[in-house]
Amino acid sequence: MTMGPTPFAQALPGISPGIYDAPDFHAIADIAYREAGLVLSEGKAMLVYSRLAALVRTSGCATFGSYVMRIREDAHERGKAIGALTTQHTFFFREAHQFDHLRDALRPQLIARAEQGRPVRLWSAGCSTGEEAWSLAMTLLGPDRVAGERIARHDIRILASDIAAPALATAQAARYRAADLKSVPDDLALSWATIDGDNARIAPELHAIVRFRALNLLAPWPMAGRFDAIFCRNVMIYFDTPTRERLLSRFAEILTPGGTLYIGHSERMTGAPIAQFTQIAPMIYRAATAA
């Protein structure tokens, strides 16, 4: 008796049975959750196929089933797959009111601290292709190029981390379409970007304070010091509640007392972390001070 297409196969038109089946999807979803906290419902089956198909081909695997075996055994290939499954959509000065808060409420005290010889540390956690990190750097150094270069000579660093290597490569290259910079305030763009036709380049002076690193937010963190502010926006929406709450508690522990956490508009503070933070504005929280 010949069996017809499974409901899973019927939901994936154009994909031959045996190439990518329900067990393959569920295995990949399990790996993505265990490795990076990503929650992939069955409704994301086509998205998983579209994002991993090229990796399956270039790995030499004939089917997703054989690719699953590959990524279970090969940590490097597994990292590439996890990176491909993450959403890399961002833009300069996204949620502009948060950068206004950084400029008006935090920047004066951070600059004063730096001028006293004390370290200033910010973290763009889940920096994607770099727009957030460069927005932070521009905001911190300000619109005056000469003053900004002087500020950059102090002990100021912005850590920009992501799990996806291709996104980090784009971030480090610091080259974008000119149209991508339309959301950058004019005075900051004038000081910290060079536009040539359809292309734009972030000023090399900003590279002095930004460090891009590959980092899985669910893995151990190698950073020894604390951060004055953390931007982690539109990352936790892909986590379930327990994973999100564990991450928020870790942020509370690595922020300086009274440090600031910026989250995405669709993200919420729930559970134990509520006691570790005080909301001071929409999507902006202050870490508890030492008892």
C-alpha atoms as a PDB file:
ATOM      1  CA  MET A   1       0.000   0.000   0.000  1.00  0.00           C
ATOM      2  CA  THR A   2       1.414   3.378  -1.035  1.00  0.00           C
ATOM      3  CA  MET A   3       1.280   6.015   1.640  1.00  0.00           C
ATOM      4  CA  GLY A   4       0.439   9.592   0.690  1.00  0.00           C
ATOM      5  CA  PRO A   5       2.355  12.627   1.878  1.00  0.00           C
ATOM      6  CA  THR A   6       2.418  13.193   5.627  1.00  0.00           C
ATOM      7  CA  PRO A   7       0.750  16.324   7.048  1.00  0.00           C
ATOM      8  CA  PHE A   8       4.246  17.663   7.700  1.00  0.00           C
ATOM      9  CA  ALA A   9       5.271  17.145   4.058  1.00  0.00           C
ATOM     10  CA  GLN A  10       2.017  18.702   2.833  1.00  0.00           C
ATOM     11  CA  ALA A  11       2.884  21.845   4.772  1.00  0.00           C
ATOM     12  CA  LEU A  12       6.205  22.113   2.935  1.00  0.00           C
ATOM     13  CA  PRO A  13       5.384  22.314  -0.773  1.00  0.00           C
ATOM     14  CA  GLY A  14       8.240  21.552  -3.141  1.00  0.00           C
ATOM     15  CA  ILE A  15      10.322  19.642  -0.600  1.00  0.00           C
ATOM     16  CA  SER A  16      10.641  15.938  -1.309  1.00  0.00           C
ATOM     17  CA  PRO A  17       9.810  13.513   1.495  1.00  0.00           C
ATOM     18  CA  GLY A  18      13.028  12.048   2.851  1.00  0.00           C
ATOM     19  CA  ILE A  19      14.951  15.266   2.305  1.00  0.00           C
ATOM     20  CA  TYR A  20      13.422  17.091   5.263  1.00  0.00           C
ATOM     21  CA  ASP A  21      10.906  15.411   7.510  1.00  0.00           C
ATOM     22  CA  ALA A  22       9.225  15.993  10.854  1.00  0.00           C
ATOM     23  CA  PRO A  23      11.880  14.060  12.838  1.00  0.00           C
ATOM     24  CA  ASP A  24      14.570  16.276  11.265  1.00  0.00           C
ATOM     25  CA  PHE A  25      12.734  19.430  12.285  1.00  0.00           C
ATOM     26  CA  HIS A  26      12.153  18.241  15.834  1.00  0.00           C
ATOM     27  CA  ALA A  27      15.796  17.197  16.193  1.00  0.00           C
ATOM     28  CA  ILE A  28      16.964  20.613  14.976  1.00  0.00           C
ATOM     29  CA  ALA A  29      14.483  22.380  17.263  1.00  0.00           C
ATOM     30  CA  ASP A  30      15.792  20.370  20.214  1.00  0.00           C
ATOM     31  CA  ILE A  31      19.404  21.241  19.399  1.00  0.00           C
ATOM     32  CA  ALA A  32      18.529  24.937  18.959  1.00  0.00           C
ATOM     33  CA  TYR A  33      16.796  24.999  22.333  1.00  0.00           C
ATOM     34  CA  ARG A  34      19.551  23.177  24.214  1.00  0.00           C
ATOM     35  CA  GLU A  35      22.342  25.196  22.613  1.00  0.00           C
ATOM     36  CA  ALA A  36      20.893  28.688  22.441  1.00  0.00           C
ATOM     37  CA  GLY A  37      17.477  28.729  24.095  1.00  0.00           C
ATOM     38  CA  LEU A  38      15.682  29.201  20.770  1.00  0.00           C
ATOM     39  CA  VAL A  39      12.073  28.022  20.833  1.00  0.00           C
ATOM     40  CA  LEU A  40      10.984  26.725  17.413  1.00  0.00           C
ATOM     41  CA  SER A  41       7.367  25.675  17.064  1.00  0.00           C
ATOM     42  CA  GLU A  42       6.266  23.429  14.210  1.00  0.00           C
ATOM     43  CA  GLY A  43       4.966  26.516  12.480  1.00  0.00           C
ATOM     44  CA  LYS A  44       8.629  27.465  11.953  1.00  0.00           C
ATOM     45  CA  ALA A  45       9.379  24.311   9.955  1.00  0.00           C
ATOM     46  CA  MET A  46       9.625  26.144   6.628  1.00  0.00           C
ATOM     47  CA  LEU A  47      11.790  28.868   8.181  1.00  0.00           C
ATOM     48  CA  VAL A  48      14.193  26.198   9.483  1.00  0.00           C
ATOM     49  CA  TYR A  49      14.375  24.647   6.024  1.00  0.00           C
ATOM     50  CA  SER A  50      15.022  27.957   4.262  1.00  0.00           C
ATOM     51  CA  ARG A  51      17.750  29.015   6.694  1.00  0.00           C
ATOM     52  CA  LEU A  52      19.604  25.715   6.795  1.00  0.00           C
ATOM     53  CA  ALA A  53      19.215  24.423   3.222  1.00  0.00           C
ATOM     54  CA  ALA A  54      22.384  26.157   1.998  1.00  0.00           C
ATOM     55  CA  LEU A  55      24.396  24.812   4.938  1.00  0.00           C
ATOM     56  CA  VAL A  56      23.085  21.311   4.275  1.00  0.00           C
ATOM     57  CA  ARG A  57      24.255  21.549   0.667  1.00  0.00           C
ATOM     58  CA  THR A  58      27.676  23.039   1.387  1.00  0.00           C
ATOM     59  CA  SER A  59      28.303  20.464   4.125  1.00  0.00           C
ATOM     60  CA  GLY A  60      27.956  17.704   1.531  1.00  0.00           C
ATOM     61  CA  CYS A  61      24.945  16.170   3.258  1.00  0.00           C
ATOM     62  CA  ALA A  62      22.226  14.832   0.977  1.00  0.00           C
ATOM     63  CA  THR A  63      19.430  15.146   3.517  1.00  0.00           C
ATOM     64  CA  PHE A  64      18.550  17.107   6.633  1.00  0.00           C
ATOM     65  CA  GLY A  65      18.684  13.830   8.538  1.00  0.00           C
ATOM     66  CA  SER A  66      22.367  13.394   7.733  1.00  0.00           C
ATOM     67  CA  TYR A  67      22.965  17.066   8.555  1.00  0.00           C
ATOM     68  CA  VAL A  68      21.392  16.540  11.975  1.00  0.00           C
ATOM     69  CA  MET A  69      23.939  13.775  12.571  1.00  0.00           C
ATOM     70  CA  ARG A  70      26.685  16.164  11.455  1.00  0.00           C
ATOM     71  CA  ILE A  71      25.749  19.006  13.780  1.00  0.00           C
ATOM     72  CA  ARG A  72      25.342  16.641  16.720  1.00  0.00           C
ATOM     73  CA  GLU A  73      28.982  15.617  16.308  1.00  0.00           C
ATOM     74  CA  ASP A  74      30.605  18.777  14.902  1.00  0.00           C
ATOM     75  CA  ALA A  75      30.555  21.778  17.266  1.00  0.00           C
ATOM     76  CA  HIS A  76      31.748  24.196  14.564  1.00  0.00           C
ATOM     77  CA  GLU A  77      29.009  23.172  12.129  1.00  0.00           C
ATOM     78  CA  ARG A  78      26.488  23.240  14.972  1.00  0.00           C
ATOM     79  CA  GLY A  79      27.489  26.831  15.702  1.00  0.00           C
ATOM     80  CA  LYS A  80      26.955  27.761  12.059  1.00  0.00           C
ATOM     81  CA  ALA A  81      23.493  26.198  12.116  1.00  0.00           C
ATOM     82  CA  ILE A  82      22.497  27.984  15.326  1.00  0.00           C
ATOM     83  CA  GLY A  83      23.747  31.277  13.903  1.00  0.00           C
ATOM     84  CA  ALA A  84      21.705  30.759  10.745  1.00  0.00           C
ATOM     85  CA  LEU A  85      18.569  30.140  12.801  1.00  0.00           C
ATOM     86  CA  THR A  86      18.809  33.424  14.690  1.00  0.00           C
ATOM     87  CA  THR A  87      16.968  36.458  13.340  1.00  0.00           C
ATOM     88  CA  GLN A  88      19.355  39.202  12.243  1.00  0.00           C
ATOM     89  CA  HIS A  89      16.999  42.133  11.743  1.00  0.00           C
ATOM     90  CA  THR A  90      18.057  45.429  13.271  1.00  0.00           C
ATOM     91  CA  PHE A  91      18.753  49.035  12.344  1.00  0.00           C
ATOM     92  CA  PHE A  92      20.565  52.106  13.602  1.00  0.00           C
ATOM     93  CA  PHE A  93      18.994  53.856  16.611  1.00  0.00           C
ATOM     94  CA  ARG A  94      16.200  51.328  16.896  1.00  0.00           C
ATOM     95  CA  GLU A  95      13.860  52.408  19.721  1.00  0.00           C
ATOM     96  CA  ALA A  96      15.331  55.919  19.591  1.00  0.00           C
ATOM     97  CA  HIS A  97      13.964  56.903  23.016  1.00  0.00           C
ATOM     98  CA  GLN A  98      16.384  54.448  24.628  1.00  0.00           C
ATOM     99  CA  PHE A  99      19.337  56.195  23.024  1.00  0.00           C
ATOM    100  CA  ASP A 100      17.857  59.508  24.160  1.00  0.00           C
ATOM    101  CA  HIS A 101      17.853  58.129  27.704  1.00  0.00           C
ATOM    102  CA  LEU A 102      21.452  56.962  27.352  1.00  0.00           C
ATOM    103  CA  ARG A 103      22.451  60.394  26.044  1.00  0.00           C
ATOM    104  CA  ASP A 104      20.584  62.474  28.616  1.00  0.00           C
ATOM    105  CA  ALA A 105      20.535  60.351  31.790  1.00  0.00           C
ATOM    106  CA  LEU A 106      23.656  58.180  31.624  1.00  0.00           C
ATOM    107  CA  ARG A 107      26.182  59.786  29.322  1.00  0.00           C
ATOM    108  CA  PRO A 108      27.076  62.760  31.576  1.00  0.00           C
ATOM    109  CA  GLN A 109      27.904  60.527  34.543  1.00  0.00           C
ATOM    110  CA  LEU A 110      29.707  57.957  32.395  1.00  0.00           C
ATOM    111  CA  ILE A 111      31.889  60.630  30.794  1.00  0.00           C
ATOM    112  CA  ALA A 112      32.614  62.156  34.208  1.00  0.00           C
ATOM    113  CA  ARG A 113      33.636  58.732  35.483  1.00  0.00           C
ATOM    114  CA  ALA A 114      35.908  58.168  32.500  1.00  0.00           C
ATOM    115  CA  GLU A 115      37.540  61.569  32.976  1.00  0.00           C
ATOM    116  CA  GLN A 116      38.304  60.571  36.570  1.00  0.00           C
ATOM    117  CA  GLY A 117      40.271  57.606  35.232  1.00  0.00           C
ATOM    118  CA  ARG A 118      37.618  55.006  36.031  1.00  0.00           C
ATOM    119  CA  PRO A 119      36.519  52.347  33.511  1.00  0.00           C
ATOM    120  CA  VAL A 120      33.239  52.638  31.614  1.00  0.00           C
ATOM    121  CA  ARG A 121      31.750  49.457  30.163  1.00  0.00           C
ATOM    122  CA  LEU A 122      28.663  48.910  27.993  1.00  0.00           C
ATOM    123  CA  TRP A 123      27.417  45.676  26.416  1.00  0.00           C
ATOM    124  CA  SER A 124      25.393  45.188  23.257  1.00  0.00           C
ATOM    125  CA  ALA A 125      24.216  41.620  23.941  1.00  0.00           C
ATOM    126  CA  GLY A 126      22.957  40.143  20.696  1.00  0.00           C
ATOM    127  CA  CYS A 127      24.453  42.873  18.522  1.00  0.00           C
ATOM    128  CA  SER A 128      23.535  41.201  15.217  1.00  0.00           C
ATOM    129  CA  THR A 129      25.115  43.094  12.295  1.00  0.00           C
ATOM    130  CA  GLY A 130      26.444  45.890  14.489  1.00  0.00           C
ATOM    131  CA  GLU A 131      24.021  48.773  14.082  1.00  0.00           C
ATOM    132  CA  GLU A 132      23.178  48.816  17.789  1.00  0.00           C
ATOM    133  CA  ALA A 133      26.818  48.823  18.892  1.00  0.00           C
ATOM    134  CA  TRP A 134      27.755  51.661  16.537  1.00  0.00           C
ATOM    135  CA  SER A 135      24.667  53.605  17.685  1.00  0.00           C
ATOM    136  CA  LEU A 136      25.877  53.205  21.278  1.00  0.00           C
ATOM    137  CA  ALA A 137      29.365  54.389  20.365  1.00  0.00           C
ATOM    138  CA  MET A 138      28.071  57.450  18.499  1.00  0.00           C
ATOM    139  CA  THR A 139      25.761  58.365  21.379  1.00  0.00           C
ATOM    140  CA  LEU A 140      28.509  57.986  23.958  1.00  0.00           C
ATOM    141  CA  LEU A 141      31.095  60.036  22.064  1.00  0.00           C
ATOM    142  CA  GLY A 142      28.583  62.683  21.019  1.00  0.00           C
ATOM    143  CA  PRO A 143      28.213  64.965  17.996  1.00  0.00           C
ATOM    144  CA  ASP A 144      31.436  66.958  18.507  1.00  0.00           C
ATOM    145  CA  ARG A 145      34.134  65.013  16.662  1.00  0.00           C
ATOM    146  CA  VAL A 146      37.063  66.620  18.478  1.00  0.00           C
ATOM    147  CA  ALA A 147      35.491  66.150  21.913  1.00  0.00           C
ATOM    148  CA  GLY A 148      34.497  62.599  20.978  1.00  0.00           C
ATOM    149  CA  GLU A 149      38.039  61.675  20.011  1.00  0.00           C
ATOM    150  CA  ARG A 150      39.229  62.990  23.375  1.00  0.00           C
ATOM    151  CA  ILE A 151      36.580  60.944  25.195  1.00  0.00           C
ATOM    152  CA  ALA A 152      37.572  57.820  23.259  1.00  0.00           C
ATOM    153  CA  ARG A 153      41.103  58.028  24.670  1.00  0.00           C
ATOM    154  CA  HIS A 154      39.750  57.215  28.152  1.00  0.00           C
ATOM    155  CA  ASP A 155      39.059  53.711  29.450  1.00  0.00           C
ATOM    156  CA  ILE A 156      35.757  53.275  27.622  1.00  0.00           C
ATOM    157  CA  ARG A 157      34.767  50.008  25.976  1.00  0.00           C
ATOM    158  CA  ILE A 158      31.635  48.637  24.356  1.00  0.00           C
ATOM    159  CA  LEU A 159      31.412  44.859  24.129  1.00  0.00           C
ATOM    160  CA  ALA A 160      29.262  43.789  21.167  1.00  0.00           C
ATOM    161  CA  SER A 161      28.488  40.075  21.138  1.00  0.00           C
ATOM    162  CA  ASP A 162      26.451  37.718  19.014  1.00  0.00           C
ATOM    163  CA  ILE A 163      26.168  34.001  18.393  1.00  0.00           C
ATOM    164  CA  ALA A 164      26.169  34.328  14.578  1.00  0.00           C
ATOM    165  CA  ALA A 165      29.603  34.587  12.952  1.00  0.00           C
ATOM    166  CA  PRO A 166      28.366  36.056   9.623  1.00  0.00           C
ATOM    167  CA  ALA A 167      26.531  38.833  11.486  1.00  0.00           C
ATOM    168  CA  LEU A 168      29.669  39.642  13.472  1.00  0.00           C
ATOM    169  CA  ALA A 169      31.708  39.800  10.263  1.00  0.00           C
ATOM    170  CA  THR A 170      29.318  42.416   8.897  1.00  0.00           C
ATOM    171  CA  ALA A 171      29.462  44.330  12.180  1.00  0.00           C
ATOM    172  CA  GLN A 172      33.258  44.386  12.240  1.00  0.00           C
ATOM    173  CA  ALA A 173      33.476  45.483   8.613  1.00  0.00           C
ATOM    174  CA  ALA A 174      31.394  48.539   9.605  1.00  0.00           C
ATOM    175  CA  ARG A 175      30.194  49.078   6.037  1.00  0.00           C
ATOM    176  CA  TYR A 176      26.521  49.614   5.308  1.00  0.00           C
ATOM    177  CA  ARG A 177      24.218  51.018   2.680  1.00  0.00           C
ATOM    178  CA  ALA A 178      23.897  54.780   2.868  1.00  0.00           C
ATOM    179  CA  ALA A 179      20.129  54.311   3.213  1.00  0.00           C
ATOM    180  CA  ASP A 180      20.734  52.348   6.431  1.00  0.00           C
ATOM    181  CA  LEU A 181      22.032  55.508   8.111  1.00  0.00           C
ATOM    182  CA  LYS A 182      18.841  57.514   7.577  1.00  0.00           C
ATOM    183  CA  SER A 183      17.814  56.804  11.168  1.00  0.00           C
ATOM    184  CA  VAL A 184      21.097  58.176  12.550  1.00  0.00           C
ATOM    185  CA  PRO A 185      20.737  61.750  13.884  1.00  0.00           C
ATOM    186  CA  ASP A 186      22.265  64.132  11.369  1.00  0.00           C
ATOM    187  CA  ASP A 187      24.877  65.574  13.734  1.00  0.00           C
ATOM    188  CA  LEU A 188      26.122  62.121  14.707  1.00  0.00           C
ATOM    189  CA  ALA A 189      26.185  60.876  11.122  1.00  0.00           C
ATOM    190  CA  LEU A 190      28.186  63.928  10.093  1.00  0.00           C
ATOM    191  CA  SER A 191      30.825  63.247  12.739  1.00  0.00           C
ATOM    192  CA  TRP A 192      31.016  59.467  12.733  1.00  0.00           C
ATOM    193  CA  ALA A 193      30.156  58.174   9.261  1.00  0.00           C
ATOM    194  CA  THR A 194      31.443  58.639   5.743  1.00  0.00           C
ATOM    195  CA  ILE A 195      28.894  58.360   2.940  1.00  0.00           C
ATOM    196  CA  ASP A 196      30.050  57.750  -0.617  1.00  0.00           C
ATOM    197  CA  GLY A 197      27.165  57.363  -3.035  1.00  0.00           C
ATOM    198  CA  ASP A 198      25.107  54.364  -1.957  1.00  0.00           C
ATOM    199  CA  ASN A 199      27.713  53.182   0.534  1.00  0.00           C
ATOM    200  CA  ALA A 200      28.505  54.241   4.077  1.00  0.00           C
ATOM    201  CA  ARG A 201      31.394  53.503   6.414  1.00  0.00           C
ATOM    202  CA  ILE A 202      31.573  53.959  10.174  1.00  0.00           C
ATOM    203  CA  ALA A 203      34.465  56.210  11.219  1.00  0.00           C
ATOM    204  CA  PRO A 204      37.551  54.209  12.239  1.00  0.00           C
ATOM    205  CA  GLU A 205      37.827  56.202  15.486  1.00  0.00           C
ATOM    206  CA  LEU A 206      34.776  54.331  16.817  1.00  0.00           C
ATOM    207  CA  HIS A 207      36.641  51.031  16.460  1.00  0.00           C
ATOM    208  CA  ALA A 208      38.873  52.137  19.332  1.00  0.00           C
ATOM    209  CA  ILE A 209      36.068  51.624  21.842  1.00  0.00           C
ATOM    210  CA  VAL A 210      34.014  48.767  20.340  1.00  0.00           C
ATOM    211  CA  ARG A 211      35.006  45.097  20.605  1.00  0.00           C
ATOM    212  CA  PHE A 212      33.050  42.431  18.715  1.00  0.00           C
ATOM    213  CA  ARG A 213      33.065  38.917  20.140  1.00  0.00           C
ATOM    214  CA  ALA A 214      31.270  35.629  19.471  1.00  0.00           C
ATOM    215  CA  LEU A 215      29.249  34.703  22.545  1.00  0.00           C
ATOM    216  CA  ASN A 216      26.341  32.407  23.348  1.00  0.00           C
ATOM    217  CA  LEU A 217      24.254  34.170  25.997  1.00  0.00           C
ATOM    218  CA  LEU A 218      23.320  30.831  27.548  1.00  0.00           C
ATOM    219  CA  ALA A 219      26.929  29.674  27.907  1.00  0.00           C
ATOM    220  CA  PRO A 220      29.408  30.768  30.609  1.00  0.00           C
ATOM    221  CA  TRP A 221      30.502  34.378  30.190  1.00  0.00           C
ATOM    222  CA  PRO A 222      34.244  35.106  30.139  1.00  0.00           C
ATOM    223  CA  MET A 223      33.929  38.752  31.261  1.00  0.00           C
ATOM    224  CA  ALA A 224      35.504  39.466  34.632  1.00  0.00           C
ATOM    225  CA  GLY A 225      34.209  42.999  35.247  1.00  0.00           C
ATOM    226  CA  ARG A 226      30.761  44.541  35.454  1.00  0.00           C
ATOM    227  CA  PHE A 227      28.850  46.702  33.003  1.00  0.00           C
ATOM    228  CA  ASP A 228      27.352  50.144  33.488  1.00  0.00           C
ATOM    229  CA  ALA A 229      24.662  49.459  30.884  1.00  0.00           C
ATOM    230  CA  ILE A 230      23.462  46.482  28.868  1.00  0.00           C
ATOM    231  CA  PHE A 231      21.387  46.619  25.710  1.00  0.00           C
ATOM    232  CA  CYS A 232      19.697  43.255  25.079  1.00  0.00           C
ATOM    233  CA  ARG A 233      16.782  43.958  22.797  1.00  0.00           C
ATOM    234  CA  ASN A 234      14.593  41.675  20.710  1.00  0.00           C
ATOM    235  CA  VAL A 235      16.697  38.672  21.702  1.00  0.00           C
ATOM    236  CA  MET A 236      14.680  37.276  24.596  1.00  0.00           C
ATOM    237  CA  ILE A 237      11.498  37.088  22.516  1.00  0.00           C
ATOM    238  CA  TYR A 238      12.891  33.812  21.126  1.00  0.00           C
ATOM    239  CA  PHE A 239      13.313  32.311  24.628  1.00  0.00           C
ATOM    240  CA  ASP A 240      10.807  30.592  26.858  1.00  0.00           C
ATOM    241  CA  THR A 241      10.001  32.090  30.263  1.00  0.00           C
ATOM    242  CA  PRO A 242      12.512  30.082  32.369  1.00  0.00           C
ATOM    243  CA  THR A 243      15.364  30.841  29.953  1.00  0.00           C
ATOM    244  CA  ARG A 244      14.471  34.534  29.828  1.00  0.00           C
ATOM    245  CA  GLU A 245      14.289  34.825  33.591  1.00  0.00           C
ATOM    246  CA  ARG A 246      17.644  33.093  34.090  1.00  0.00           C
ATOM    247  CA  LEU A 247      19.250  35.466  31.595  1.00  0.00           C
ATOM    248  CA  LEU A 248      17.751  38.547  33.243  1.00  0.00           C
ATOM    249  CA  SER A 249      19.059  37.411  36.628  1.00  0.00           C
ATOM    250  CA  ARG A 250      22.521  36.975  35.139  1.00  0.00           C
ATOM    251  CA  PHE A 251      22.326  40.489  33.728  1.00  0.00           C
ATOM    252  CA  ALA A 252      21.454  41.777  37.195  1.00  0.00           C
ATOM    253  CA  GLU A 253      24.544  40.088  38.596  1.00  0.00           C
ATOM    254  CA  ILE A 254      26.932  41.476  35.986  1.00  0.00           C
ATOM    255  CA  LEU A 255      25.610  45.048  36.004  1.00  0.00           C
ATOM    256  CA  THR A 256      27.176  47.551  38.355  1.00  0.00           C
ATOM    257  CA  PRO A 257      24.862  48.412  41.280  1.00  0.00           C
ATOM    258  CA  GLY A 258      22.354  50.844  39.789  1.00  0.00           C
ATOM    259  CA  GLY A 259      23.413  49.898  36.246  1.00  0.00           C
ATOM    260  CA  THR A 260      20.912  50.147  33.403  1.00  0.00           C
ATOM    261  CA  LEU A 261      19.298  47.414  31.308  1.00  0.00           C
ATOM    262  CA  TYR A 262      17.535  48.181  28.023  1.00  0.00           C
ATOM    263  CA  ILE A 263      15.205  45.513  26.592  1.00  0.00           C
ATOM    264  CA  GLY A 264      12.988  45.196  23.514  1.00  0.00           C
ATOM    265  CA  HIS A 265       9.440  46.494  23.204  1.00  0.00           C
ATOM    266  CA  SER A 266       7.939  42.976  23.119  1.00  0.00           C
ATOM    267  CA  GLU A 267       9.912  41.729  26.120  1.00  0.00           C
ATOM    268  CA  ARG A 268       8.741  41.683  29.726  1.00  0.00           C
ATOM    269  CA  MET A 269      10.306  41.416  33.161  1.00  0.00           C
ATOM    270  CA  THR A 270       8.753  38.478  35.040  1.00  0.00           C
ATOM    271  CA  GLY A 271       9.520  36.161  37.934  1.00  0.00           C
ATOM    272  CA  ALA A 272      12.538  36.503  40.226  1.00  0.00           C
ATOM    273  CA  PRO A 273      14.236  39.274  38.176  1.00  0.00           C
ATOM    274  CA  ILE A 274      11.424  41.682  39.149  1.00  0.00           C
ATOM    275  CA  ALA A 275      13.051  41.982  42.571  1.00  0.00           C
ATOM    276  CA  GLN A 276      16.454  42.626  40.983  1.00  0.00           C
ATOM    277  CA  PHE A 277      15.398  45.593  38.859  1.00  0.00           C
ATOM    278  CA  THR A 278      13.346  48.782  39.057  1.00  0.00           C
ATOM    279  CA  GLN A 279      11.624  50.018  35.926  1.00  0.00           C
ATOM    280  CA  ILE A 280      12.545  53.644  35.317  1.00  0.00           C
ATOM    281  CA  ALA A 281      11.018  54.121  31.847  1.00  0.00           C
ATOM    282  CA  PRO A 282       9.345  51.959  29.194  1.00  0.00           C
ATOM    283  CA  MET A 283      11.766  49.116  28.334  1.00  0.00           C
ATOM    284  CA  ILE A 284      14.452  50.577  30.659  1.00  0.00           C
ATOM    285  CA  TYR A 285      15.374  49.095  34.055  1.00  0.00           C
ATOM    286  CA  ARG A 286      17.833  49.941  36.817  1.00  0.00           C
ATOM    287  CA  ALA A 287      19.628  47.098  38.595  1.00  0.00           C
ATOM    288  CA  ALA A 288      19.267  46.969  42.359  1.00  0.00           C
ATOM    289  CA  THR A 289      21.979  48.684  44.350  1.00  0.00           C
ATOM    290  CA  ALA A 290      24.043  46.703  46.837  1.00  0.00           C
ATOM    291  CA  ALA A 291      22.265  46.019  50.122  1.00  0.00           C
END
